[in-house]
Amino acid sequence: MDTINWLLDSDPAIRWQAMRDLTDATPSAIAAERARVTREGLGSAILQHQHSDASWRREGAPAWLTTLFTLQLLRSTGAAPADPAVENAIARLESTLRWDCTPGNWDLRPTKQSGNPFFEGEVEPCINGAVLALGGYFGHPNEKLARRLLSEQLPDGGWN
């Protein structure tokens, strides 16, 4: 089996991108394949593993870490932000979780805690850069967070 056929014989998250980048598939065929991401394979599994508090958690790891990296993986699958399953997951996240920046408690917490909603970011520039990118992708851009990040840039051009 050649490499392209191997990629096309895989998860919808890989297949639609291989079709887009490596074949002469029509835009409608690519869009149809991309639409499968939230219903089958990795994209569907990611969405199904969202916890009742709207985070993605793993025992022994802080909720912010697993939620942030899971959303980055979901973005990498190409799950369409306007897909109803994605919109629902993101709406639950944004309405349920807040950043808790209390010293010693830094994490994501349910809304009964005060703090910024997920896409408004928290105190750490490297995390906020990822949050800003995710917000842009999932339809929650935040100009205030972007300005804050620009104001925190160090003289060497970095943020940490």
N, C-alpha and C. Protein backbone atom coordinates (compact mmCIF):
# COMPACT_ATOMS: atom_id res chain seq x y z
N MET A 1 0.85 -1.17 0.00
CA MET A 1 0.00 0.00 0.00
C MET A 1 0.90 1.24 0.00
N ASP A 2 0.59 2.20 -0.83
CA ASP A 2 1.38 3.43 -0.85
C ASP A 2 0.94 4.36 0.28
N THR A 3 1.73 5.36 0.55
CA THR A 3 1.52 6.24 1.69
C THR A 3 0.19 6.97 1.62
N ILE A 4 -0.16 7.48 0.46
CA ILE A 4 -1.42 8.23 0.34
C ILE A 4 -2.61 7.32 0.62
N ASN A 5 -2.60 6.13 0.04
CA ASN A 5 -3.71 5.20 0.32
C ASN A 5 -3.76 4.82 1.79
N TRP A 6 -2.61 4.68 2.41
CA TRP A 6 -2.56 4.37 3.84
C TRP A 6 -3.21 5.50 4.65
N LEU A 7 -2.90 6.75 4.31
CA LEU A 7 -3.51 7.89 4.99
C LEU A 7 -5.01 7.96 4.73
N LEU A 8 -5.42 7.63 3.53
CA LEU A 8 -6.84 7.67 3.19
C LEU A 8 -7.62 6.54 3.84
N ASP A 9 -6.92 5.51 4.28
CA ASP A 9 -7.55 4.36 4.93
C ASP A 9 -7.46 4.49 6.45
N SER A 10 -7.64 5.70 6.95
CA SER A 10 -7.46 5.94 8.39
C SER A 10 -8.63 6.72 8.96
N ASP A 11 -8.42 7.27 10.13
CA ASP A 11 -9.42 8.06 10.84
C ASP A 11 -9.87 9.25 10.00
N PRO A 12 -11.16 9.64 10.10
CA PRO A 12 -11.62 10.81 9.34
C PRO A 12 -10.79 12.07 9.60
N ALA A 13 -10.23 12.22 10.81
CA ALA A 13 -9.42 13.40 11.13
C ALA A 13 -8.16 13.46 10.28
N ILE A 14 -7.65 12.31 9.88
CA ILE A 14 -6.47 12.26 9.01
C ILE A 14 -6.91 12.24 7.55
N ARG A 15 -7.95 11.47 7.29
CA ARG A 15 -8.39 11.27 5.90
C ARG A 15 -8.77 12.59 5.22
N TRP A 16 -9.55 13.45 5.89
CA TRP A 16 -9.99 14.67 5.21
C TRP A 16 -8.80 15.58 4.90
N GLN A 17 -7.81 15.61 5.81
CA GLN A 17 -6.64 16.46 5.57
C GLN A 17 -5.75 15.88 4.47
N ALA A 18 -5.66 14.55 4.41
CA ALA A 18 -4.91 13.92 3.32
C ALA A 18 -5.61 14.18 1.99
N MET A 19 -6.93 14.09 1.99
CA MET A 19 -7.68 14.38 0.77
C MET A 19 -7.43 15.82 0.31
N ARG A 20 -7.47 16.75 1.27
CA ARG A 20 -7.28 18.17 0.96
C ARG A 20 -5.88 18.45 0.42
N ASP A 21 -4.88 17.86 1.06
CA ASP A 21 -3.49 18.21 0.76
C ASP A 21 -2.82 17.33 -0.29
N LEU A 22 -3.31 16.11 -0.47
CA LEU A 22 -2.56 15.15 -1.28
C LEU A 22 -3.32 14.56 -2.45
N THR A 23 -4.57 14.93 -2.61
CA THR A 23 -5.35 14.37 -3.72
C THR A 23 -6.04 15.49 -4.48
N ASP A 24 -6.73 15.11 -5.53
CA ASP A 24 -7.52 16.06 -6.32
C ASP A 24 -9.00 15.99 -5.93
N ALA A 25 -9.27 15.59 -4.70
CA ALA A 25 -10.66 15.47 -4.25
C ALA A 25 -11.36 16.82 -4.36
N THR A 26 -12.64 16.76 -4.61
CA THR A 26 -13.43 17.99 -4.73
C THR A 26 -13.64 18.61 -3.35
N PRO A 27 -13.84 19.92 -3.31
CA PRO A 27 -14.14 20.56 -2.02
C PRO A 27 -15.32 19.93 -1.30
N SER A 28 -16.34 19.51 -2.04
CA SER A 28 -17.51 18.91 -1.39
C SER A 28 -17.17 17.54 -0.79
N ALA A 29 -16.32 16.78 -1.46
CA ALA A 29 -15.91 15.48 -0.91
C ALA A 29 -15.06 15.67 0.35
N ILE A 30 -14.21 16.67 0.33
CA ILE A 30 -13.37 16.97 1.50
C ILE A 30 -14.26 17.43 2.66
N ALA A 31 -15.22 18.29 2.38
CA ALA A 31 -16.13 18.78 3.42
C ALA A 31 -16.96 17.64 4.00
N ALA A 32 -17.40 16.73 3.16
CA ALA A 32 -18.18 15.59 3.65
C ALA A 32 -17.33 14.71 4.57
N GLU A 33 -16.10 14.52 4.20
CA GLU A 33 -15.20 13.72 5.05
C GLU A 33 -14.90 14.44 6.35
N ARG A 34 -14.67 15.72 6.28
CA ARG A 34 -14.39 16.50 7.50
C ARG A 34 -15.59 16.46 8.44
N ALA A 35 -16.78 16.46 7.92
CA ALA A 35 -17.99 16.42 8.75
C ALA A 35 -18.07 15.13 9.57
N ARG A 36 -17.38 14.09 9.15
CA ARG A 36 -17.39 12.82 9.88
C ARG A 36 -16.53 12.87 11.15
N VAL A 37 -15.66 13.86 11.26
CA VAL A 37 -14.72 13.92 12.39
C VAL A 37 -15.42 13.87 13.73
N THR A 38 -16.53 14.57 13.88
CA THR A 38 -17.21 14.61 15.18
C THR A 38 -18.12 13.41 15.41
N ARG A 39 -18.33 12.61 14.40
CA ARG A 39 -19.22 11.45 14.53
C ARG A 39 -18.48 10.12 14.61
N GLU A 40 -17.21 10.10 14.21
CA GLU A 40 -16.46 8.85 14.15
C GLU A 40 -15.02 9.07 14.61
N GLY A 41 -14.40 8.04 15.08
CA GLY A 41 -12.98 8.07 15.36
C GLY A 41 -12.56 9.01 16.47
N LEU A 42 -11.37 9.57 16.32
CA LEU A 42 -10.74 10.38 17.36
C LEU A 42 -11.56 11.59 17.76
N GLY A 43 -12.06 12.35 16.81
CA GLY A 43 -12.84 13.55 17.14
C GLY A 43 -14.07 13.21 17.97
N SER A 44 -14.76 12.16 17.58
CA SER A 44 -15.93 11.73 18.34
C SER A 44 -15.53 11.28 19.74
N ALA A 45 -14.44 10.53 19.86
CA ALA A 45 -13.98 10.06 21.17
C ALA A 45 -13.64 11.23 22.08
N ILE A 46 -12.99 12.24 21.53
CA ILE A 46 -12.65 13.42 22.33
C ILE A 46 -13.92 14.06 22.88
N LEU A 47 -14.89 14.27 22.03
CA LEU A 47 -16.13 14.93 22.45
C LEU A 47 -16.88 14.07 23.48
N GLN A 48 -16.86 12.77 23.32
CA GLN A 48 -17.56 11.88 24.24
C GLN A 48 -16.90 11.81 25.62
N HIS A 49 -15.64 12.18 25.71
CA HIS A 49 -14.93 12.11 26.99
C HIS A 49 -14.96 13.41 27.79
N GLN A 50 -15.74 14.37 27.34
CA GLN A 50 -15.89 15.60 28.13
C GLN A 50 -16.65 15.25 29.41
N HIS A 51 -16.15 15.69 30.53
CA HIS A 51 -16.76 15.37 31.82
C HIS A 51 -18.00 16.22 32.08
N SER A 52 -18.75 15.85 33.09
CA SER A 52 -19.99 16.57 33.40
C SER A 52 -19.73 18.02 33.78
N ASP A 53 -18.52 18.33 34.29
CA ASP A 53 -18.21 19.72 34.61
C ASP A 53 -17.67 20.49 33.41
N ALA A 54 -17.70 19.86 32.23
CA ALA A 54 -17.29 20.44 30.95
C ALA A 54 -15.79 20.40 30.71
N SER A 55 -15.02 19.85 31.62
CA SER A 55 -13.57 19.72 31.42
C SER A 55 -13.27 18.38 30.77
N TRP A 56 -12.03 18.21 30.40
CA TRP A 56 -11.50 16.91 30.04
C TRP A 56 -10.47 16.62 31.10
N ARG A 57 -10.70 15.61 31.91
CA ARG A 57 -9.84 15.34 33.07
C ARG A 57 -9.15 13.99 32.95
N ARG A 58 -8.00 13.93 33.59
CA ARG A 58 -7.28 12.67 33.77
C ARG A 58 -6.83 12.65 35.22
N GLU A 59 -7.04 11.53 35.87
CA GLU A 59 -6.68 11.43 37.27
C GLU A 59 -5.21 11.80 37.49
N GLY A 60 -4.99 12.62 38.49
CA GLY A 60 -3.63 13.03 38.84
C GLY A 60 -3.11 14.22 38.07
N ALA A 61 -3.90 14.74 37.14
CA ALA A 61 -3.47 15.91 36.36
C ALA A 61 -4.45 17.05 36.59
N PRO A 62 -3.96 18.27 36.60
CA PRO A 62 -4.87 19.41 36.78
C PRO A 62 -5.81 19.54 35.58
N ALA A 63 -7.02 19.97 35.87
CA ALA A 63 -8.03 20.08 34.81
C ALA A 63 -7.61 21.03 33.71
N TRP A 64 -6.90 22.12 34.06
CA TRP A 64 -6.51 23.08 33.02
C TRP A 64 -5.61 22.42 31.99
N LEU A 65 -4.70 21.55 32.46
CA LEU A 65 -3.72 20.93 31.58
C LEU A 65 -4.40 19.98 30.59
N THR A 66 -5.20 19.08 31.12
CA THR A 66 -5.83 18.10 30.24
C THR A 66 -6.88 18.74 29.34
N THR A 67 -7.58 19.73 29.84
CA THR A 67 -8.59 20.41 29.02
C THR A 67 -7.92 21.21 27.90
N LEU A 68 -6.89 21.95 28.23
CA LEU A 68 -6.19 22.76 27.22
C LEU A 68 -5.62 21.87 26.11
N PHE A 69 -4.91 20.81 26.49
CA PHE A 69 -4.28 19.96 25.47
C PHE A 69 -5.29 19.13 24.71
N THR A 70 -6.39 18.76 25.34
CA THR A 70 -7.44 18.04 24.62
C THR A 70 -8.08 18.94 23.58
N LEU A 71 -8.32 20.19 23.92
CA LEU A 71 -8.86 21.13 22.93
C LEU A 71 -7.88 21.37 21.79
N GLN A 72 -6.58 21.39 22.09
CA GLN A 72 -5.60 21.53 21.01
C GLN A 72 -5.66 20.31 20.08
N LEU A 73 -5.84 19.13 20.66
CA LEU A 73 -5.96 17.93 19.84
C LEU A 73 -7.24 17.97 19.01
N LEU A 74 -8.34 18.40 19.61
CA LEU A 74 -9.59 18.51 18.87
C LEU A 74 -9.43 19.48 17.70
N ARG A 75 -8.76 20.59 17.93
CA ARG A 75 -8.50 21.54 16.83
C ARG A 75 -7.66 20.88 15.74
N SER A 76 -6.68 20.07 16.13
CA SER A 76 -5.82 19.40 15.16
C SER A 76 -6.58 18.39 14.30
N THR A 77 -7.65 17.83 14.84
CA THR A 77 -8.45 16.90 14.03
C THR A 77 -9.18 17.63 12.92
N GLY A 78 -9.33 18.94 13.07
CA GLY A 78 -10.08 19.72 12.10
C GLY A 78 -11.57 19.69 12.36
N ALA A 79 -11.96 19.27 13.57
CA ALA A 79 -13.38 19.30 13.92
C ALA A 79 -13.91 20.70 13.65
N ALA A 80 -14.95 20.79 12.85
CA ALA A 80 -15.47 22.09 12.45
C ALA A 80 -16.07 22.82 13.64
N PRO A 81 -15.62 24.04 13.93
CA PRO A 81 -16.15 24.80 15.06
C PRO A 81 -17.67 24.98 15.01
N ALA A 82 -18.25 25.03 13.81
CA ALA A 82 -19.70 25.23 13.68
C ALA A 82 -20.49 23.93 13.77
N ASP A 83 -19.80 22.79 13.89
CA ASP A 83 -20.50 21.52 14.06
C ASP A 83 -21.27 21.57 15.39
N PRO A 84 -22.53 21.17 15.42
CA PRO A 84 -23.31 21.25 16.65
C PRO A 84 -22.67 20.55 17.85
N ALA A 85 -22.02 19.42 17.64
CA ALA A 85 -21.38 18.72 18.76
C ALA A 85 -20.23 19.54 19.33
N VAL A 86 -19.48 20.21 18.46
CA VAL A 86 -18.37 21.06 18.92
C VAL A 86 -18.93 22.31 19.59
N GLU A 87 -19.90 22.93 18.97
CA GLU A 87 -20.51 24.11 19.58
C GLU A 87 -21.04 23.82 20.98
N ASN A 88 -21.68 22.67 21.15
CA ASN A 88 -22.22 22.29 22.45
C ASN A 88 -21.10 22.10 23.47
N ALA A 89 -20.04 21.39 23.09
CA ALA A 89 -18.93 21.15 24.01
C ALA A 89 -18.27 22.46 24.42
N ILE A 90 -18.07 23.36 23.48
CA ILE A 90 -17.43 24.63 23.77
C ILE A 90 -18.34 25.52 24.60
N ALA A 91 -19.63 25.53 24.32
CA ALA A 91 -20.58 26.34 25.11
C ALA A 91 -20.62 25.84 26.55
N ARG A 92 -20.60 24.53 26.74
CA ARG A 92 -20.58 23.98 28.10
C ARG A 92 -19.30 24.40 28.83
N LEU A 93 -18.18 24.31 28.14
CA LEU A 93 -16.90 24.70 28.74
C LEU A 93 -16.93 26.16 29.15
N GLU A 94 -17.35 27.01 28.24
CA GLU A 94 -17.32 28.45 28.49
C GLU A 94 -18.31 28.86 29.59
N SER A 95 -19.43 28.18 29.68
CA SER A 95 -20.43 28.57 30.68
C SER A 95 -20.21 27.90 32.04
N THR A 96 -19.39 26.87 32.08
CA THR A 96 -19.27 26.09 33.31
C THR A 96 -17.96 26.31 34.06
N LEU A 97 -16.85 26.45 33.36
CA LEU A 97 -15.55 26.50 34.03
C LEU A 97 -15.00 27.91 34.12
N ARG A 98 -14.28 28.16 35.20
CA ARG A 98 -13.59 29.44 35.42
C ARG A 98 -12.16 29.14 35.83
N TRP A 99 -11.28 30.05 35.45
CA TRP A 99 -9.90 29.96 35.93
C TRP A 99 -9.87 30.38 37.39
N ASP A 100 -9.28 29.57 38.23
CA ASP A 100 -9.10 29.90 39.65
C ASP A 100 -7.62 30.18 39.84
N CYS A 101 -7.29 31.43 40.03
CA CYS A 101 -5.89 31.83 40.15
C CYS A 101 -5.49 32.10 41.59
N THR A 102 -6.28 31.57 42.53
CA THR A 102 -5.95 31.70 43.94
C THR A 102 -4.63 30.98 44.20
N PRO A 103 -3.67 31.63 44.85
CA PRO A 103 -2.40 30.95 45.11
C PRO A 103 -2.61 29.58 45.75
N GLY A 104 -1.97 28.57 45.17
CA GLY A 104 -2.09 27.22 45.67
C GLY A 104 -3.26 26.45 45.10
N ASN A 105 -4.19 27.12 44.41
CA ASN A 105 -5.37 26.45 43.86
C ASN A 105 -5.47 26.63 42.35
N TRP A 106 -4.45 27.07 41.71
CA TRP A 106 -4.48 27.43 40.31
C TRP A 106 -4.98 26.27 39.45
N ASP A 107 -6.13 26.42 38.85
CA ASP A 107 -6.72 25.37 38.02
C ASP A 107 -8.02 25.90 37.41
N LEU A 108 -8.75 25.02 36.75
CA LEU A 108 -10.09 25.32 36.27
C LEU A 108 -11.08 24.79 37.29
N ARG A 109 -12.10 25.58 37.60
CA ARG A 109 -13.10 25.20 38.59
C ARG A 109 -14.50 25.46 38.03
N PRO A 110 -15.51 24.78 38.58
CA PRO A 110 -16.90 25.09 38.19
C PRO A 110 -17.25 26.54 38.48
N THR A 111 -18.32 27.03 37.86
CA THR A 111 -18.68 28.45 37.92
C THR A 111 -18.97 28.97 39.30
N LYS A 112 -19.22 28.13 40.29
CA LYS A 112 -19.47 28.67 41.62
C LYS A 112 -18.24 29.39 42.16
N GLN A 113 -17.10 29.16 41.54
CA GLN A 113 -15.89 29.90 41.88
C GLN A 113 -15.84 31.16 41.03
N SER A 114 -15.23 32.20 41.55
CA SER A 114 -15.04 33.38 40.73
C SER A 114 -13.82 33.17 39.85
N GLY A 115 -13.72 33.92 38.82
CA GLY A 115 -12.58 33.83 37.92
C GLY A 115 -13.02 34.02 36.48
N ASN A 116 -12.04 34.09 35.60
CA ASN A 116 -12.32 34.30 34.18
C ASN A 116 -12.89 33.06 33.52
N PRO A 117 -13.84 33.23 32.60
CA PRO A 117 -14.24 32.10 31.76
C PRO A 117 -13.02 31.60 30.97
N PHE A 118 -13.09 30.39 30.49
CA PHE A 118 -11.94 29.74 29.86
C PHE A 118 -11.27 30.61 28.80
N PHE A 119 -12.03 31.15 27.86
CA PHE A 119 -11.43 31.87 26.74
C PHE A 119 -10.98 33.29 27.07
N GLU A 120 -11.12 33.70 28.32
CA GLU A 120 -10.56 34.99 28.75
C GLU A 120 -9.16 34.82 29.34
N GLY A 121 -8.73 33.58 29.53
CA GLY A 121 -7.39 33.31 30.00
C GLY A 121 -7.21 33.49 31.48
N GLU A 122 -5.95 33.29 31.90
CA GLU A 122 -5.63 33.38 33.33
C GLU A 122 -4.35 34.16 33.52
N VAL A 123 -3.39 33.71 34.31
CA VAL A 123 -2.24 34.54 34.65
C VAL A 123 -0.97 34.23 33.86
N GLU A 124 -0.84 33.09 33.27
CA GLU A 124 0.41 32.64 32.65
C GLU A 124 0.39 32.90 31.14
N PRO A 125 1.33 33.70 30.62
CA PRO A 125 1.32 34.03 29.20
C PRO A 125 1.38 32.81 28.26
N CYS A 126 2.16 31.79 28.63
CA CYS A 126 2.25 30.65 27.70
C CYS A 126 0.91 29.92 27.59
N ILE A 127 0.18 29.84 28.69
CA ILE A 127 -1.15 29.23 28.65
C ILE A 127 -2.10 30.16 27.91
N ASN A 128 -2.01 31.44 28.17
CA ASN A 128 -2.90 32.39 27.52
C ASN A 128 -2.71 32.42 26.01
N GLY A 129 -1.49 32.20 25.54
CA GLY A 129 -1.28 32.13 24.10
C GLY A 129 -2.05 30.97 23.49
N ALA A 130 -2.02 29.83 24.17
CA ALA A 130 -2.77 28.67 23.69
C ALA A 130 -4.27 28.92 23.78
N VAL A 131 -4.72 29.54 24.87
CA VAL A 131 -6.14 29.86 25.05
C VAL A 131 -6.59 30.81 23.95
N LEU A 132 -5.78 31.79 23.62
CA LEU A 132 -6.13 32.75 22.57
C LEU A 132 -6.27 32.05 21.22
N ALA A 133 -5.33 31.16 20.91
CA ALA A 133 -5.40 30.42 19.65
C ALA A 133 -6.64 29.53 19.60
N LEU A 134 -6.94 28.86 20.70
CA LEU A 134 -8.13 28.02 20.75
C LEU A 134 -9.40 28.86 20.63
N GLY A 135 -9.43 29.99 21.30
CA GLY A 135 -10.58 30.87 21.22
C GLY A 135 -10.82 31.34 19.79
N GLY A 136 -9.75 31.69 19.09
CA GLY A 136 -9.88 32.08 17.70
C GLY A 136 -10.46 30.97 16.84
N TYR A 137 -9.97 29.75 17.06
CA TYR A 137 -10.44 28.62 16.26
C TYR A 137 -11.90 28.28 16.57
N PHE A 138 -12.23 28.23 17.85
CA PHE A 138 -13.56 27.77 18.25
C PHE A 138 -14.60 28.90 18.35
N GLY A 139 -14.28 30.07 17.80
CA GLY A 139 -15.27 31.13 17.71
C GLY A 139 -15.42 31.98 18.96
N HIS A 140 -14.39 32.02 19.80
CA HIS A 140 -14.41 32.85 21.00
C HIS A 140 -13.15 33.71 21.06
N PRO A 141 -12.88 34.50 20.02
CA PRO A 141 -11.69 35.35 20.04
C PRO A 141 -11.80 36.37 21.17
N ASN A 142 -10.67 36.78 21.69
CA ASN A 142 -10.69 37.70 22.82
C ASN A 142 -9.65 38.79 22.60
N GLU A 143 -10.10 39.93 22.17
CA GLU A 143 -9.20 41.05 21.88
C GLU A 143 -8.46 41.52 23.14
N LYS A 144 -9.15 41.53 24.27
CA LYS A 144 -8.52 41.95 25.53
C LYS A 144 -7.35 41.04 25.88
N LEU A 145 -7.53 39.73 25.70
CA LEU A 145 -6.45 38.79 25.99
C LEU A 145 -5.29 38.98 25.01
N ALA A 146 -5.61 39.23 23.75
CA ALA A 146 -4.55 39.46 22.76
C ALA A 146 -3.74 40.70 23.12
N ARG A 147 -4.41 41.77 23.50
CA ARG A 147 -3.70 43.00 23.90
C ARG A 147 -2.85 42.75 25.14
N ARG A 148 -3.41 42.01 26.08
CA ARG A 148 -2.65 41.70 27.29
C ARG A 148 -1.37 40.94 26.95
N LEU A 149 -1.49 39.92 26.09
CA LEU A 149 -0.31 39.15 25.71
C LEU A 149 0.74 40.04 25.03
N LEU A 150 0.29 40.93 24.17
CA LEU A 150 1.24 41.83 23.51
C LEU A 150 1.94 42.73 24.52
N SER A 151 1.21 43.15 25.54
CA SER A 151 1.82 44.03 26.54
C SER A 151 2.79 43.28 27.46
N GLU A 152 2.68 41.96 27.50
CA GLU A 152 3.54 41.16 28.37
C GLU A 152 4.78 40.61 27.66
N GLN A 153 4.92 40.93 26.38
CA GLN A 153 6.07 40.42 25.64
C GLN A 153 7.35 40.99 26.23
N LEU A 154 8.33 40.12 26.40
CA LEU A 154 9.62 40.49 27.00
C LEU A 154 10.53 41.15 25.96
N PRO A 155 11.56 41.87 26.39
CA PRO A 155 12.46 42.55 25.44
C PRO A 155 13.11 41.59 24.43
N ASP A 156 13.28 40.31 24.80
CA ASP A 156 13.91 39.37 23.86
C ASP A 156 12.92 38.82 22.85
N GLY A 157 11.65 39.26 22.92
CA GLY A 157 10.64 38.82 21.98
C GLY A 157 9.78 37.67 22.46
N GLY A 158 10.17 37.05 23.58
CA GLY A 158 9.42 35.92 24.13
C GLY A 158 8.44 36.35 25.21
N TRP A 159 7.85 35.37 25.86
CA TRP A 159 6.89 35.66 26.91
C TRP A 159 7.23 35.02 28.26
N ASN A 160 8.14 34.11 28.30
CA ASN A 160 8.48 33.45 29.57
C ASN A 160 9.96 33.64 29.87
